[in-house]
Protein backbone atom coordinates (compact mmCIF):
# COMPACT_ATOMS: atom_id res chain seq x y z
CA UNK A 1 -17.11 -17.38 -54.88
CA UNK A 2 -16.35 -19.09 -51.97
CA UNK A 3 -16.72 -16.23 -49.46
CA UNK A 4 -19.74 -15.15 -51.29
CA UNK A 5 -21.34 -18.74 -50.95
CA UNK A 6 -20.47 -18.80 -46.96
CA UNK A 7 -21.93 -15.23 -47.08
CA UNK A 8 -25.19 -16.27 -48.57
CA UNK A 9 -25.70 -19.42 -46.11
CA UNK A 10 -24.63 -16.98 -43.25
CA UNK A 11 -27.65 -14.79 -44.11
CA UNK A 12 -30.21 -17.56 -44.57
CA UNK A 13 -29.28 -19.16 -40.98
CA UNK A 14 -29.86 -15.49 -39.49
CA UNK A 15 -32.89 -14.95 -41.46
CA UNK A 16 -34.16 -17.79 -39.93
CA UNK A 17 -33.51 -16.49 -36.36
CA UNK A 18 -34.31 -13.18 -36.94
CA UNK A 19 -37.35 -13.34 -39.46
CA UNK A 20 -38.71 -10.43 -41.66
CA UNK A 21 -38.35 -7.83 -38.60
CA UNK A 22 -34.88 -7.42 -39.52
CA UNK A 23 -33.73 -5.70 -42.13
CA UNK A 24 -30.65 -3.77 -43.56
CA UNK A 25 -29.96 -1.41 -46.38
CA UNK A 26 -28.97 -2.98 -49.59
CA UNK A 27 -26.90 -1.94 -51.15
CA UNK A 28 -25.58 0.50 -48.95
CA UNK A 29 -26.67 4.04 -49.64
CA UNK A 30 -29.63 2.99 -52.00
CA UNK A 31 -32.44 3.67 -49.08
CA UNK A 32 -33.81 0.38 -49.80
CA UNK A 33 -34.28 -1.94 -47.17
CA UNK A 34 -34.48 -5.94 -47.26
CA UNK A 35 -34.69 -8.60 -44.71
CA UNK A 36 -31.51 -10.95 -44.76
CA UNK A 37 -33.12 -13.65 -47.16
CA UNK A 38 -33.71 -11.42 -49.59
CA UNK A 39 -30.11 -9.97 -49.33
CA UNK A 40 -28.93 -13.29 -49.61
CA UNK A 41 -30.89 -13.49 -53.01
CA UNK A 42 -29.36 -10.23 -54.21
CA UNK A 43 -26.05 -11.65 -53.95
CA UNK A 44 -26.79 -14.87 -55.56
CA UNK A 45 -28.41 -12.79 -58.29
CA UNK A 46 -25.43 -11.00 -58.72
CA UNK A 47 -23.30 -13.84 -58.84
CA UNK A 48 -25.31 -15.29 -61.44
CA UNK A 49 -25.39 -12.25 -63.58
CA UNK A 50 -21.41 -13.03 -64.14
CA UNK A 51 -22.51 -16.15 -66.20
CA UNK A 52 -25.43 -14.78 -67.98
CA UNK A 53 -25.46 -13.14 -71.07
CA UNK A 54 -26.16 -9.17 -70.86
CA UNK A 55 -28.17 -6.99 -73.25
CA UNK A 56 -25.17 -7.22 -75.76
CA UNK A 57 -25.51 -10.75 -75.79
CA UNK A 58 -21.85 -10.91 -74.04
CA UNK A 59 -21.14 -13.03 -70.45
CA UNK A 60 -19.28 -10.93 -67.97
CA UNK A 61 -17.14 -14.36 -67.17
CA UNK A 62 -15.49 -14.10 -70.67
CA UNK A 63 -14.20 -10.64 -70.37
CA UNK A 64 -12.58 -9.49 -73.41
CA UNK A 65 -12.15 -13.08 -74.74
CA UNK A 66 -13.78 -12.31 -78.41
CA UNK A 67 -13.59 -16.18 -78.99
CA UNK A 68 -16.00 -17.13 -76.15
CA UNK A 69 -18.09 -14.31 -76.57
CA UNK A 70 -18.90 -14.88 -80.33
CA UNK A 71 -17.58 -18.13 -81.62
CA UNK A 72 -20.80 -20.10 -81.99
CA UNK A 73 -18.79 -23.56 -80.87
CA UNK A 74 -17.44 -21.91 -77.68
CA UNK A 75 -20.01 -19.18 -76.84
CA UNK A 76 -22.00 -21.52 -74.82
CA UNK A 77 -19.43 -23.29 -72.95
CA UNK A 78 -19.53 -21.99 -69.49
CA UNK A 79 -15.97 -21.61 -67.94
CA UNK A 80 -15.71 -22.11 -64.25
CA UNK A 81 -12.51 -19.77 -63.26
CA UNK A 82 -10.78 -19.57 -59.82
CA UNK A 83 -11.82 -15.88 -59.31
CA UNK A 84 -13.18 -12.91 -61.01
CA UNK A 85 -12.72 -9.51 -61.62
CA UNK A 86 -14.65 -7.65 -58.87
CA UNK A 87 -15.38 -4.60 -61.34
CA UNK A 88 -16.44 -6.34 -64.57
CA UNK A 89 -16.72 -10.15 -63.43
CA UNK A 90 -13.90 -11.40 -65.97
CA UNK A 91 -12.95 -14.63 -65.24
CA UNK A 92 -9.05 -14.59 -63.93
CA UNK A 93 -7.04 -17.69 -62.80
CA UNK A 94 -7.62 -21.09 -63.62
CA UNK A 95 -10.59 -21.44 -66.07
CA UNK A 96 -11.11 -25.44 -65.06
CA UNK A 97 -11.89 -24.73 -61.31
CA UNK A 98 -15.26 -26.66 -60.79
CA UNK A 99 -15.20 -26.88 -56.91
CA UNK A 100 -16.00 -23.39 -54.92
CA UNK A 101 -17.25 -21.75 -58.89
CA UNK A 102 -19.36 -24.51 -59.13
CA UNK A 103 -21.52 -23.90 -55.89
CA UNK A 104 -23.19 -21.25 -58.27
CA UNK A 105 -25.53 -23.85 -59.37
CA UNK A 106 -26.51 -24.97 -55.77
CA UNK A 107 -27.44 -21.22 -54.87
CA UNK A 108 -29.55 -20.67 -58.17
CA UNK A 109 -31.09 -24.05 -57.25
CA UNK A 110 -31.96 -22.83 -53.52
CA UNK A 111 -33.58 -19.59 -54.52
CA UNK A 112 -35.58 -21.42 -57.36
CA UNK A 113 -36.94 -23.99 -54.84
CA UNK A 114 -37.27 -22.41 -51.20
CA UNK A 115 -39.13 -19.19 -50.44
CA UNK A 116 -38.73 -17.10 -47.43
CA UNK A 117 -41.50 -18.47 -46.00
CA UNK A 118 -40.58 -22.18 -46.59
CA UNK A 119 -37.22 -20.89 -44.89
CA UNK A 120 -38.69 -19.60 -42.02
CA UNK A 121 -40.69 -23.00 -41.50
CA UNK A 122 -37.69 -24.73 -40.74
CA UNK A 123 -36.53 -21.82 -38.20
CA UNK A 124 -32.99 -22.94 -36.88
CA UNK A 125 -33.02 -25.94 -38.84
CA UNK A 126 -29.78 -26.50 -41.08
CA UNK A 127 -30.42 -25.52 -45.06
CA UNK A 128 -28.35 -28.01 -46.88
CA UNK A 129 -29.20 -28.50 -50.57
CA UNK A 130 -28.13 -31.98 -50.16
CA UNK A 131 -29.53 -33.30 -46.86
CA UNK A 132 -32.79 -31.08 -46.22
CA UNK A 133 -33.75 -30.38 -50.25
CA UNK A 134 -36.60 -32.83 -49.89
CA UNK A 135 -38.01 -31.32 -46.61
CA UNK A 136 -37.46 -27.90 -47.72
CA UNK A 137 -38.80 -28.24 -51.25
CA UNK A 138 -41.14 -31.19 -51.15
CA UNK A 139 -39.18 -32.66 -53.97
CA UNK A 140 -37.24 -35.62 -53.23
CA UNK A 141 -33.64 -35.36 -54.20
CA UNK A 142 -32.17 -37.76 -56.78
């Protein structure tokens, strides 16, 4: 999660510099080209999928832990693990991490509030969900 969060931040900064004219193939080998903002958004979408229910009602973060997948008293509690299985998204390591793993909330918030055009308006200004949120979204931070 920490590396992905930093990567998303870097992609947004680079998008502000290069704009819509610079595109890369994403995912590699797909033949689909995206600008860097769209790539950052795609990475965030994939990270969100770790915590959201799939078509069968299971959350990848819980892996094979059936109690957390099915028990009505546990299934809606989201655990923020230390790291995740790269193949299936199952949470690994400590399950009480709220530091870097909690940054998924900031990433979700950024892409819910900031459009590509809005990000470009700020050019090389720093995007920070805390310091610039009110300027980028027009909504004052609480």
